[in-house]
Amino acid sequence: MLDVLPQMPEDSILGLSSACRSDPSPNKIDLTVGIYMNEEGVCPVFDAVRLAQQSLVAEETTKAYMAPAGDAAFNQGLQRLVLGSGSAALADARVSSIQTPGGCGALRIGAEIINAAAPGARVWVSDPTWPVHIPLLGSVGLRFETYRYYEPVSHGVNFDGMVEDLGRAGRGDVVLLHGCCHNPCGADLTLEQWSVIADMAERQGFMPFVDIAYQGLGDGLEQDVAGLRLLVERLPEVIIAASCSKNMGLYRERTGAALFVSSSAENARALLSQAQVAARRIYSMPPAHGALLAGRVLADAELKTNWEDELQAMCWRINGLRTSLVSKLEQNTDRDFGFIEREKGMFSFLGLTRAEAIALREKHSIYMLESSRINVAGVNGANIDYLAEAVGAVLRG
């Protein structure tokens, strides 16, 4: 039976990262996978997480299943982190959440809930978007439309095009939005633009589904969720997929949550029950370790302050790398790369052609997606000059 199945092609991102690891060049640079790397090229463990882990190991007395919704401290802490401790929706008990295996699990549970409420519903996704969005949501049975988002010529958001396209979204539709640090382009909406989207949702009746995977890595923990919170303040229903992979470094622990903002406390409880049933048939019970760590960090004032300081330092470093990269690229080329400094988070398109991205890989062992999307956090003081010189050499032909 199984021998009828063909070998599948490698993932477009993971395959390139694997090729980079096999490359014998001492100058190779991996700018593919979206993982934060420090100056030493290592994905670090937060000190706050390390301390939480030490106390957890010392105090843990069981490996029994957690509750179906996950760790209560984690769920409550993440709700406050994303929505704010002063959120009216939280005060009115209109929010429920379920711990999930990473942000991917949150997206899938959100999709399950949407499909249960409106089978085959239409979901609007940005062009471009994270490549896994459509497989995760589409495997449930949802349908897709795209809205214009990134403008390659201006290296910014094509907001007029976005508004025009979303003008066709109606009641029963879902609009998938990147909460901050757009993956793959790094171009984010302004707060005024978020307000326009809220106006449209109120008028047209579509529901926002916000993927917030990078809170704290754009401008700061509070600034990065200002647009999302505006939607929650204005609209009766919002689904949120949150992840601790990036802002707590819990990549391998698969720590995330699906949050449901609803019109009433009764509906919030109903949505949680629906989410638990969906989770039961997909992965049965939530993983414990990452959520227990994150829950401890968010619940302990000292650990939380420690974590916030570390995260802010990461944010500042990424923004500093953007400034340095613009300077180095412009020293080695005759192009304006200033847009990189205006973008947020870990990702940017360099604005290179597919042929130029391939040439960087084949001639200089610099690995990026063929769209020229790079992980800015893969740049450091040891490789930035080589990267800029190689880009200059390729552009000069």
Protein backbone atom coordinates (compact mmCIF):
# COMPACT_ATOMS: atom_id res chain seq x y z
CA MET A 1 0.00 0.00 0.00
CA LEU A 2 2.60 2.54 1.06
CA ASP A 3 4.82 2.01 -1.98
CA VAL A 4 2.45 4.07 -4.13
CA LEU A 5 3.49 7.25 -2.33
CA PRO A 6 6.15 9.35 -4.12
CA GLN A 7 8.93 11.26 -2.39
CA MET A 8 7.88 14.81 -1.64
CA PRO A 9 10.06 17.83 -2.47
CA GLU A 10 11.95 19.48 0.37
CA ASP A 11 10.40 22.44 2.14
CA SER A 12 11.45 25.63 0.36
CA ILE A 13 12.94 27.11 3.54
CA LEU A 14 14.14 24.06 5.47
CA GLY A 15 15.70 22.58 2.34
CA LEU A 16 17.90 25.64 1.84
CA SER A 17 18.93 25.63 5.48
CA SER A 18 19.89 21.97 5.16
CA ALA A 19 21.94 22.75 2.05
CA CYS A 20 23.73 25.51 3.95
CA ARG A 21 24.67 23.13 6.75
CA SER A 22 26.23 20.80 4.16
CA ASP A 23 28.15 23.59 2.43
CA PRO A 24 31.90 23.29 3.23
CA SER A 25 32.58 27.01 2.68
CA PRO A 26 33.97 28.73 5.80
CA ASN A 27 32.19 31.92 4.71
CA LYS A 28 28.69 30.47 4.39
CA ILE A 29 25.80 32.48 5.80
CA ASP A 30 22.35 31.07 6.56
CA LEU A 31 19.64 33.74 6.21
CA THR A 32 16.79 31.31 5.62
CA VAL A 33 14.97 29.91 8.68
CA GLY A 34 13.26 32.44 10.98
CA ILE A 35 15.23 31.81 14.15
CA TYR A 36 16.82 34.55 16.23
CA MET A 37 20.61 34.19 16.33
CA ASN A 38 22.95 36.18 18.58
CA GLU A 39 26.34 37.66 17.66
CA GLU A 40 27.93 34.23 18.01
CA GLY A 41 25.45 32.72 15.59
CA VAL A 42 23.68 30.77 18.35
CA CYS A 43 19.98 30.68 19.16
CA PRO A 44 20.25 31.58 22.87
CA VAL A 45 18.25 30.43 25.88
CA PHE A 46 16.81 33.38 27.78
CA ASP A 47 18.18 33.72 31.31
CA ALA A 48 14.61 34.07 32.61
CA VAL A 49 13.64 30.84 30.89
CA ARG A 50 16.73 29.07 32.25
CA LEU A 51 15.85 30.15 35.80
CA ALA A 52 12.24 29.08 35.35
CA GLN A 53 13.44 25.73 34.07
CA GLN A 54 15.71 25.21 37.07
CA SER A 55 12.86 25.87 39.50
CA LEU A 56 10.46 23.70 37.49
CA VAL A 57 12.84 20.74 37.51
CA ALA A 58 13.41 21.14 41.25
CA GLU A 59 9.70 21.37 42.06
CA GLU A 60 7.97 19.18 39.47
CA THR A 61 6.43 16.07 41.01
CA THR A 62 4.44 14.56 38.14
CA LYS A 63 4.35 14.05 34.40
CA ALA A 64 0.60 13.48 34.27
CA TYR A 65 -1.42 15.12 31.52
CA MET A 66 -2.24 18.78 31.92
CA ALA A 67 -5.81 20.06 31.67
CA PRO A 68 -7.15 20.03 28.08
CA ALA A 69 -6.95 23.83 27.87
CA GLY A 70 -3.36 23.79 29.10
CA ASP A 71 -1.54 25.52 31.93
CA ALA A 72 -3.75 28.13 33.61
CA ALA A 73 -0.83 30.44 34.47
CA PHE A 74 0.31 30.36 30.86
CA ASN A 75 -3.14 31.02 29.43
CA GLN A 76 -3.84 33.88 31.81
CA GLY A 77 -0.37 35.38 31.40
CA LEU A 78 -0.50 35.25 27.62
CA GLN A 79 -3.98 36.79 27.55
CA ARG A 80 -2.70 39.74 29.58
CA LEU A 81 0.47 40.00 27.50
CA VAL A 82 -1.38 40.12 24.18
CA LEU A 83 -4.53 42.03 25.16
CA GLY A 84 -3.23 44.13 28.05
CA SER A 85 -4.11 43.84 31.72
CA GLY A 86 -6.68 46.63 31.31
CA SER A 87 -8.52 44.95 28.45
CA ALA A 88 -12.30 45.40 28.66
CA ALA A 89 -12.75 42.05 26.91
CA LEU A 90 -10.78 40.35 29.68
CA ALA A 91 -12.69 42.23 32.38
CA ASP A 92 -15.97 41.09 30.82
CA ALA A 93 -14.77 37.45 30.60
CA ARG A 94 -15.27 37.57 26.82
CA VAL A 95 -11.87 35.93 26.17
CA SER A 96 -10.99 32.25 26.29
CA SER A 97 -7.79 30.54 25.20
CA ILE A 98 -6.35 27.10 24.70
CA GLN A 99 -2.69 26.19 24.88
CA THR A 100 -1.46 24.75 21.57
CA PRO A 101 1.65 23.14 20.06
CA GLY A 102 3.21 26.43 18.95
CA GLY A 103 1.73 29.15 16.80
CA CYS A 104 1.09 26.54 14.11
CA GLY A 105 -1.19 24.66 16.47
CA ALA A 106 -2.98 27.91 17.31
CA LEU A 107 -3.56 28.64 13.64
CA ARG A 108 -4.92 25.15 13.09
CA ILE A 109 -7.27 25.31 16.09
CA GLY A 110 -8.46 28.71 14.92
CA ALA A 111 -9.15 27.27 11.50
CA GLU A 112 -11.06 24.36 13.05
CA ILE A 113 -13.29 26.78 14.95
CA ILE A 114 -13.93 28.89 11.84
CA ASN A 115 -14.82 25.82 9.80
CA ALA A 116 -17.12 24.52 12.53
CA ALA A 117 -18.98 27.84 12.57
CA ALA A 118 -19.01 28.35 8.78
CA PRO A 119 -17.89 25.27 6.79
CA GLY A 120 -15.73 26.21 3.83
CA ALA A 121 -15.55 29.86 4.89
CA ARG A 122 -13.50 32.26 2.82
CA VAL A 123 -10.23 33.46 4.34
CA TRP A 124 -8.40 36.48 2.94
CA VAL A 125 -4.59 36.25 3.16
CA SER A 126 -1.98 38.86 2.33
CA ASP A 127 0.17 38.71 -0.78
CA PRO A 128 2.76 37.66 0.27
CA THR A 129 2.21 35.72 3.47
CA TRP A 130 4.02 33.04 5.46
CA PRO A 131 4.06 29.97 3.19
CA VAL A 132 2.58 27.65 5.83
CA HIS A 133 -0.53 29.76 6.44
CA ILE A 134 -2.48 28.31 3.54
CA PRO A 135 -1.58 24.63 4.16
CA LEU A 136 -2.42 24.96 7.86
CA LEU A 137 -5.79 26.60 7.31
CA GLY A 138 -6.62 24.97 3.99
CA SER A 139 -6.26 21.44 5.27
CA VAL A 140 -9.38 22.06 7.35
CA GLY A 141 -11.40 22.90 4.25
CA LEU A 142 -11.33 26.69 4.24
CA ARG A 143 -11.18 28.61 0.95
CA PHE A 144 -8.83 31.48 0.15
CA GLU A 145 -8.71 34.88 -1.47
CA THR A 146 -5.66 37.13 -1.49
CA TYR A 147 -5.39 40.84 -0.85
CA ARG A 148 -2.58 43.05 -2.05
CA TYR A 149 -0.14 43.92 0.71
CA TYR A 150 3.52 44.38 -0.22
CA GLU A 151 4.63 46.70 -2.99
CA PRO A 152 8.10 45.65 -4.26
CA VAL A 153 8.81 48.98 -5.97
CA SER A 154 8.23 51.12 -2.89
CA HIS A 155 9.25 48.33 -0.46
CA GLY A 156 6.21 49.17 1.66
CA VAL A 157 2.56 48.32 2.26
CA ASN A 158 0.24 48.84 -0.70
CA PHE A 159 -2.52 49.99 1.60
CA ASP A 160 -4.75 51.39 -1.12
CA GLY A 161 -4.64 48.01 -2.87
CA MET A 162 -5.27 46.21 0.41
CA VAL A 163 -8.33 48.33 1.15
CA GLU A 164 -9.66 47.92 -2.37
CA ASP A 165 -9.33 44.13 -2.24
CA LEU A 166 -10.77 43.79 1.27
CA GLY A 167 -13.69 45.90 0.15
CA ARG A 168 -14.99 42.62 -1.32
CA ALA A 169 -14.81 40.79 2.04
CA GLY A 170 -18.21 40.36 3.63
CA ARG A 171 -20.08 38.92 6.57
CA GLY A 172 -18.91 35.36 7.19
CA ASP A 173 -15.46 36.04 5.72
CA VAL A 174 -12.23 35.95 7.73
CA VAL A 175 -9.26 38.28 7.17
CA LEU A 176 -5.89 36.88 8.25
CA LEU A 177 -3.60 39.67 9.48
CA HIS A 178 0.00 39.66 10.69
CA GLY A 179 -0.04 41.33 14.12
CA CYS A 180 3.45 42.82 13.70
CA CYS A 181 6.80 42.10 12.03
CA HIS A 182 5.17 40.81 8.84
CA ASN A 183 6.65 37.53 7.61
CA PRO A 184 8.11 37.62 4.97
CA CYS A 185 8.37 41.35 4.16
CA GLY A 186 8.78 43.20 7.48
CA ALA A 187 6.44 45.98 6.32
CA ASP A 188 3.82 46.68 8.97
CA LEU A 189 0.56 48.60 9.14
CA THR A 190 0.45 51.90 11.00
CA LEU A 191 -2.02 52.35 13.84
CA GLU A 192 -4.08 54.60 11.58
CA GLN A 193 -4.23 51.82 8.98
CA TRP A 194 -5.31 49.32 11.65
CA SER A 195 -8.13 51.73 12.46
CA VAL A 196 -9.25 51.72 8.83
CA ILE A 197 -9.33 47.90 8.87
CA ALA A 198 -11.41 48.03 12.05
CA ASP A 199 -13.83 50.44 10.34
CA MET A 200 -14.14 48.04 7.41
CA ALA A 201 -14.71 45.03 9.67
CA GLU A 202 -17.46 46.90 11.54
CA ARG A 203 -19.12 48.02 8.33
CA GLN A 204 -18.70 44.84 6.25
CA GLY A 205 -18.95 42.22 8.97
CA PHE A 206 -15.78 40.20 8.35
CA MET A 207 -13.83 38.74 11.28
CA PRO A 208 -10.09 39.35 11.82
CA PHE A 209 -7.80 36.39 12.53
CA VAL A 210 -4.51 37.82 13.81
CA ASP A 211 -1.25 35.86 13.77
CA ILE A 212 1.02 37.44 16.40
CA ALA A 213 4.25 35.44 16.35
CA TYR A 214 6.77 38.25 16.97
CA GLN A 215 5.42 40.43 19.77
CA GLY A 216 8.30 42.42 21.24
CA LEU A 217 10.65 42.13 18.26
CA GLY A 218 9.40 45.14 16.27
CA ASP A 219 9.15 48.25 18.44
CA GLY A 220 8.36 46.71 21.83
CA LEU A 221 5.89 44.49 23.68
CA GLU A 222 3.18 47.14 23.96
CA GLN A 223 3.75 48.92 20.65
CA ASP A 224 3.67 45.69 18.63
CA VAL A 225 0.12 44.81 19.69
CA ALA A 226 -1.42 48.29 19.50
CA GLY A 227 -3.21 47.48 16.24
CA LEU A 228 -4.45 44.10 17.47
CA ARG A 229 -5.77 45.67 20.68
CA LEU A 230 -7.59 48.32 18.67
CA LEU A 231 -9.44 45.55 16.81
CA VAL A 232 -10.34 43.83 20.08
CA GLU A 233 -11.64 47.11 21.53
CA ARG A 234 -13.83 47.79 18.50
CA LEU A 235 -15.06 44.41 17.30
CA PRO A 236 -17.21 41.69 18.92
CA GLU A 237 -15.17 38.77 17.51
CA VAL A 238 -11.45 38.30 16.90
CA ILE A 239 -9.35 35.12 16.81
CA ILE A 240 -5.67 35.38 17.72
CA ALA A 241 -2.86 32.88 17.19
CA ALA A 242 0.00 33.67 19.60
CA SER A 243 3.43 32.07 19.85
CA CYS A 244 6.30 32.09 22.34
CA SER A 245 8.84 30.63 19.92
CA LYS A 246 10.47 33.93 19.03
CA ASN A 247 9.93 36.23 21.99
CA MET A 248 10.84 33.60 24.59
CA GLY A 249 13.13 31.47 22.44
CA LEU A 250 10.92 28.40 23.02
CA TYR A 251 11.15 27.15 19.44
CA ARG A 252 11.56 23.45 20.10
CA GLU A 253 9.12 23.48 23.03
CA ARG A 254 6.20 24.34 20.68
CA THR A 255 4.49 26.85 22.97
CA GLY A 256 1.52 28.81 21.69
CA ALA A 257 -2.14 29.57 22.28
CA ALA A 258 -5.32 30.28 20.35
CA LEU A 259 -7.26 33.18 21.87
CA PHE A 260 -10.94 33.75 21.16
CA VAL A 261 -12.47 37.17 21.74
CA SER A 262 -16.24 36.80 21.56
CA SER A 263 -19.42 38.77 22.11
CA SER A 264 -20.23 37.34 25.54
CA ALA A 265 -18.83 35.32 28.42
CA GLU A 266 -21.20 32.51 27.51
CA ASN A 267 -19.89 32.41 23.94
CA ALA A 268 -16.30 32.49 25.21
CA ARG A 269 -16.98 29.32 27.21
CA ALA A 270 -18.65 27.69 24.21
CA LEU A 271 -15.66 28.49 21.98
CA LEU A 272 -13.25 27.00 24.51
CA SER A 273 -15.31 23.81 24.58
CA GLN A 274 -15.23 23.69 20.78
CA ALA A 275 -11.45 24.26 20.77
CA GLN A 276 -10.91 21.46 23.30
CA VAL A 277 -12.91 19.03 21.18
CA ALA A 278 -10.91 20.03 18.09
CA ALA A 279 -7.63 19.62 19.94
CA ARG A 280 -8.68 16.22 21.25
CA ARG A 281 -9.16 14.85 17.74
CA ILE A 282 -5.93 16.40 16.39
CA TYR A 283 -3.28 15.97 19.08
CA SER A 284 -5.28 14.92 22.15
CA MET A 285 -3.47 16.78 24.97
CA PRO A 286 -1.18 19.84 25.03
CA PRO A 287 2.59 19.57 25.56
CA ALA A 288 3.62 20.76 29.01
CA HIS A 289 7.22 21.88 29.30
CA GLY A 290 7.30 25.11 27.30
CA ALA A 291 3.99 26.39 28.64
CA LEU A 292 5.02 25.66 32.23
CA LEU A 293 8.18 27.68 31.65
CA ALA A 294 6.39 30.57 29.96
CA GLY A 295 3.68 30.53 32.60
CA ARG A 296 6.28 30.86 35.35
CA VAL A 297 8.03 33.72 33.57
CA LEU A 298 4.78 35.62 33.02
CA ALA A 299 3.50 35.04 36.58
CA ASP A 300 6.69 35.92 38.47
CA ALA A 301 7.43 39.67 38.62
CA GLU A 302 11.22 39.27 38.80
CA LEU A 303 11.41 36.71 36.01
CA LYS A 304 9.05 38.77 33.85
CA THR A 305 11.16 41.90 34.27
CA ASN A 306 14.30 39.89 33.46
CA TRP A 307 12.64 38.48 30.34
CA GLU A 308 11.37 41.88 29.20
CA ASP A 309 14.89 43.34 29.51
CA GLU A 310 16.37 40.47 27.47
CA LEU A 311 13.68 40.78 24.83
CA GLN A 312 14.16 44.52 24.56
CA ALA A 313 17.89 43.99 24.03
CA MET A 314 17.10 41.53 21.21
CA CYS A 315 14.73 44.05 19.64
CA TRP A 316 17.34 46.81 19.81
CA ARG A 317 19.96 44.50 18.31
CA ILE A 318 17.73 43.59 15.36
CA ASN A 319 16.96 47.24 14.70
CA GLY A 320 20.65 48.05 14.97
CA LEU A 321 21.47 45.29 12.49
CA ARG A 322 19.01 46.84 10.06
CA THR A 323 20.78 50.19 10.31
CA SER A 324 24.21 48.62 9.89
CA LEU A 325 23.09 46.47 6.98
CA VAL A 326 21.71 49.49 5.12
CA SER A 327 25.01 51.31 5.60
CA LYS A 328 27.14 48.35 4.48
CA LEU A 329 24.99 47.57 1.42
CA GLU A 330 24.97 51.17 0.27
CA GLN A 331 28.76 51.33 0.63
CA ASN A 332 29.05 48.38 -1.74
CA THR A 333 26.28 49.16 -4.25
CA ASP A 334 24.63 52.11 -5.93
CA ARG A 335 21.17 51.18 -4.63
CA ASP A 336 19.00 52.70 -1.92
CA PHE A 337 18.43 50.07 0.79
CA GLY A 338 16.90 52.49 3.29
CA PHE A 339 13.65 50.54 3.32
CA ILE A 340 15.34 47.82 5.38
CA GLU A 341 15.70 50.26 8.26
CA ARG A 342 12.02 51.20 8.10
CA GLU A 343 10.81 47.59 8.35
CA LYS A 344 10.17 45.65 11.54
CA GLY A 345 11.15 42.31 12.99
CA MET A 346 13.36 39.57 11.64
CA PHE A 347 12.54 39.61 7.92
CA SER A 348 13.09 41.75 4.84
CA PHE A 349 13.18 41.34 1.10
CA LEU A 350 16.48 42.65 -0.29
CA GLY A 351 14.81 43.47 -3.59
CA LEU A 352 17.04 41.11 -5.60
CA THR A 353 15.95 39.03 -8.55
CA ARG A 354 15.68 35.26 -8.32
CA ALA A 355 18.83 34.93 -10.45
CA GLU A 356 20.74 37.25 -8.10
CA ALA A 357 19.63 35.32 -5.01
CA ILE A 358 20.74 32.06 -6.65
CA ALA A 359 24.08 33.63 -7.62
CA LEU A 360 24.69 34.63 -4.01
CA ARG A 361 24.14 31.02 -2.99
CA GLU A 362 26.15 29.38 -5.75
CA LYS A 363 29.08 31.82 -5.91
CA HIS A 364 29.29 33.10 -2.34
CA SER A 365 27.55 30.46 -0.14
CA ILE A 366 25.00 33.01 1.08
CA TYR A 367 21.67 31.27 1.54
CA MET A 368 18.41 33.20 1.29
CA LEU A 369 15.05 32.46 -0.24
CA GLU A 370 14.87 32.99 -3.99
CA SER A 371 12.49 35.87 -3.34
CA SER A 372 15.52 37.49 -1.59
CA ARG A 373 13.76 37.29 1.78
CA ILE A 374 16.36 37.22 4.53
CA ASN A 375 16.36 36.62 8.27
CA VAL A 376 18.02 39.82 9.49
CA ALA A 377 18.88 38.10 12.77
CA GLY A 378 21.20 35.79 10.81
CA VAL A 379 23.49 38.77 10.23
CA ASN A 380 26.25 39.58 12.72
CA GLY A 381 29.45 41.54 13.06
CA ALA A 382 31.52 38.66 11.69
CA ASN A 383 29.59 38.23 8.43
CA ILE A 384 28.01 41.58 7.58
CA ASP A 385 30.94 42.87 5.52
CA TYR A 386 31.17 39.66 3.50
CA LEU A 387 27.43 39.72 2.90
CA ALA A 388 27.43 43.31 1.68
CA GLU A 389 30.49 42.78 -0.52
CA ALA A 390 28.92 39.68 -2.07
CA VAL A 391 25.66 41.49 -2.80
CA GLY A 392 27.65 44.27 -4.43
CA ALA A 393 29.62 41.80 -6.54
CA VAL A 394 26.44 40.06 -7.74
CA LEU A 395 24.69 43.34 -8.57
CA ARG A 396 27.71 44.49 -10.59
CA GLY A 397 27.59 41.20 -12.49
